[in-house]
Protein backbone atom coordinates (compact mmCIF):
# COMPACT_ATOMS: atom_id res chain seq x y z
CA UNK A 1 -10.97 133.19 259.47
CA UNK A 2 -12.83 129.85 259.47
CA UNK A 3 -12.89 127.48 262.48
CA UNK A 4 -10.55 125.01 260.81
CA UNK A 5 -7.96 127.79 260.41
CA UNK A 6 -7.98 129.01 263.99
CA UNK A 7 -4.45 128.17 264.90
CA UNK A 8 -2.73 128.79 268.21
CA UNK A 9 0.89 129.83 268.52
CA UNK A 10 1.80 126.63 270.35
CA UNK A 11 0.50 124.56 267.42
CA UNK A 12 3.06 126.03 265.04
CA UNK A 13 6.48 124.57 264.41
CA UNK A 14 9.17 126.40 266.35
CA UNK A 15 10.67 127.80 263.14
CA UNK A 16 7.34 129.54 262.35
CA UNK A 17 6.55 130.83 265.82
CA UNK A 18 8.96 133.76 265.56
CA UNK A 19 7.17 135.05 262.46
CA UNK A 20 3.77 134.53 264.07
CA UNK A 21 4.89 136.36 267.23
CA UNK A 22 6.13 139.25 265.11
CA UNK A 23 3.11 139.70 262.84
CA UNK A 24 0.43 137.84 264.79
CA UNK A 25 -0.91 134.33 264.25
CA UNK A 26 -3.88 135.54 262.17
CA UNK A 27 -1.59 137.49 259.82
CA UNK A 28 0.76 134.50 259.63
CA UNK A 29 -2.21 132.37 258.54
CA UNK A 30 -3.08 134.98 255.87
CA UNK A 31 0.53 134.90 254.69
CA UNK A 32 0.35 131.11 254.55
CA UNK A 33 -2.87 131.25 252.51
CA UNK A 34 -1.35 133.69 250.03
CA UNK A 35 2.18 132.30 249.72
CA UNK A 36 2.12 128.86 251.35
CA UNK A 37 4.44 126.38 249.68
CA UNK A 38 6.48 129.05 247.90
CA UNK A 39 9.75 130.73 248.73
CA UNK A 40 9.48 134.44 249.45
CA UNK A 41 12.23 136.98 249.90
CA UNK A 42 11.89 139.63 252.58
CA UNK A 43 14.15 142.58 251.77
CA UNK A 44 16.18 144.51 254.29
CA UNK A 45 14.73 147.84 255.38
CA UNK A 46 17.42 149.67 253.35
CA UNK A 47 16.08 148.06 250.19
CA UNK A 48 12.54 149.11 251.08
CA UNK A 49 13.67 152.71 251.45
CA UNK A 50 15.99 152.76 248.40
CA UNK A 51 13.53 154.45 246.03
CA UNK A 52 12.97 157.25 248.55
CA UNK A 53 16.73 157.75 248.88
CA UNK A 54 17.22 157.75 245.11
CA UNK A 55 14.44 160.30 244.60
CA UNK A 56 16.07 162.57 247.20
CA UNK A 57 19.43 162.25 245.45
CA UNK A 58 17.92 163.19 242.10
CA UNK A 59 16.08 166.10 243.68
CA UNK A 60 19.25 167.47 245.26
CA UNK A 61 21.51 166.93 242.26
CA UNK A 62 22.71 170.26 240.88
CA UNK A 63 25.31 169.12 238.36
CA UNK A 64 28.32 169.58 240.60
CA UNK A 65 27.58 167.84 243.86
CA UNK A 66 28.13 164.15 243.07
CA UNK A 67 30.83 163.62 245.72
CA UNK A 68 28.73 165.41 248.34
CA UNK A 69 25.61 163.34 247.57
CA UNK A 70 27.59 160.10 247.59
CA UNK A 71 28.89 160.86 251.08
CA UNK A 72 25.56 162.19 252.36
CA UNK A 73 23.55 159.17 251.22
CA UNK A 74 26.30 156.58 251.73
CA UNK A 75 26.30 155.39 248.12
CA UNK A 76 29.04 155.24 245.52
CA UNK A 77 29.70 158.04 243.07
CA UNK A 78 28.98 155.50 240.35
CA UNK A 79 25.47 155.05 241.78
CA UNK A 80 24.94 158.81 241.68
CA UNK A 81 26.11 158.95 238.06
CA UNK A 82 23.77 156.09 237.15
CA UNK A 83 20.83 157.86 238.79
CA UNK A 84 21.42 161.26 237.23
CA UNK A 85 22.76 160.11 233.84
CA UNK A 86 19.56 161.15 232.05
CA UNK A 87 19.60 164.55 233.73
CA UNK A 88 23.21 165.14 232.66
CA UNK A 89 22.51 164.03 229.10
CA UNK A 90 19.48 166.30 228.69
CA UNK A 91 21.41 169.25 230.18
CA UNK A 92 24.22 168.73 227.65
CA UNK A 93 21.76 168.66 224.75
CA UNK A 94 19.90 171.77 225.87
CA UNK A 95 21.13 174.94 224.10
CA UNK A 96 22.64 177.64 226.27
CA UNK A 97 20.46 180.63 227.03
CA UNK A 98 20.45 182.94 224.01
CA UNK A 99 22.09 180.32 221.78
CA UNK A 100 20.50 179.89 218.35
CA UNK A 101 20.06 176.41 216.94
CA UNK A 102 20.87 175.64 213.33
CA UNK A 103 17.56 173.85 213.19
CA UNK A 104 15.57 176.79 214.49
CA UNK A 105 12.93 177.81 211.92
CA UNK A 106 12.70 181.34 213.21
CA UNK A 107 16.15 182.48 212.02
């Protein structure tokens, strides 16, 4: 960080001091260099962890546990359906074990 950018906490506007206290003045300056003059959105922690939660739901889905997963992960059943829709569709298209397809060349 160059001399001209060495900023002290007390030199910041009050509205920016809370951020600088939280992440450090030097990191606040880096943030200013990267995004200064723009609006940025900082998501809630739940949004940051959403992909992890969704992966866990898909991993635990067994075809019959939508209500259970919705309660366990505090999401709607509709969300579970949306997440596993592709899994359900491919399971429906898959022939049953021992079932012969009309399009099977080996008949």
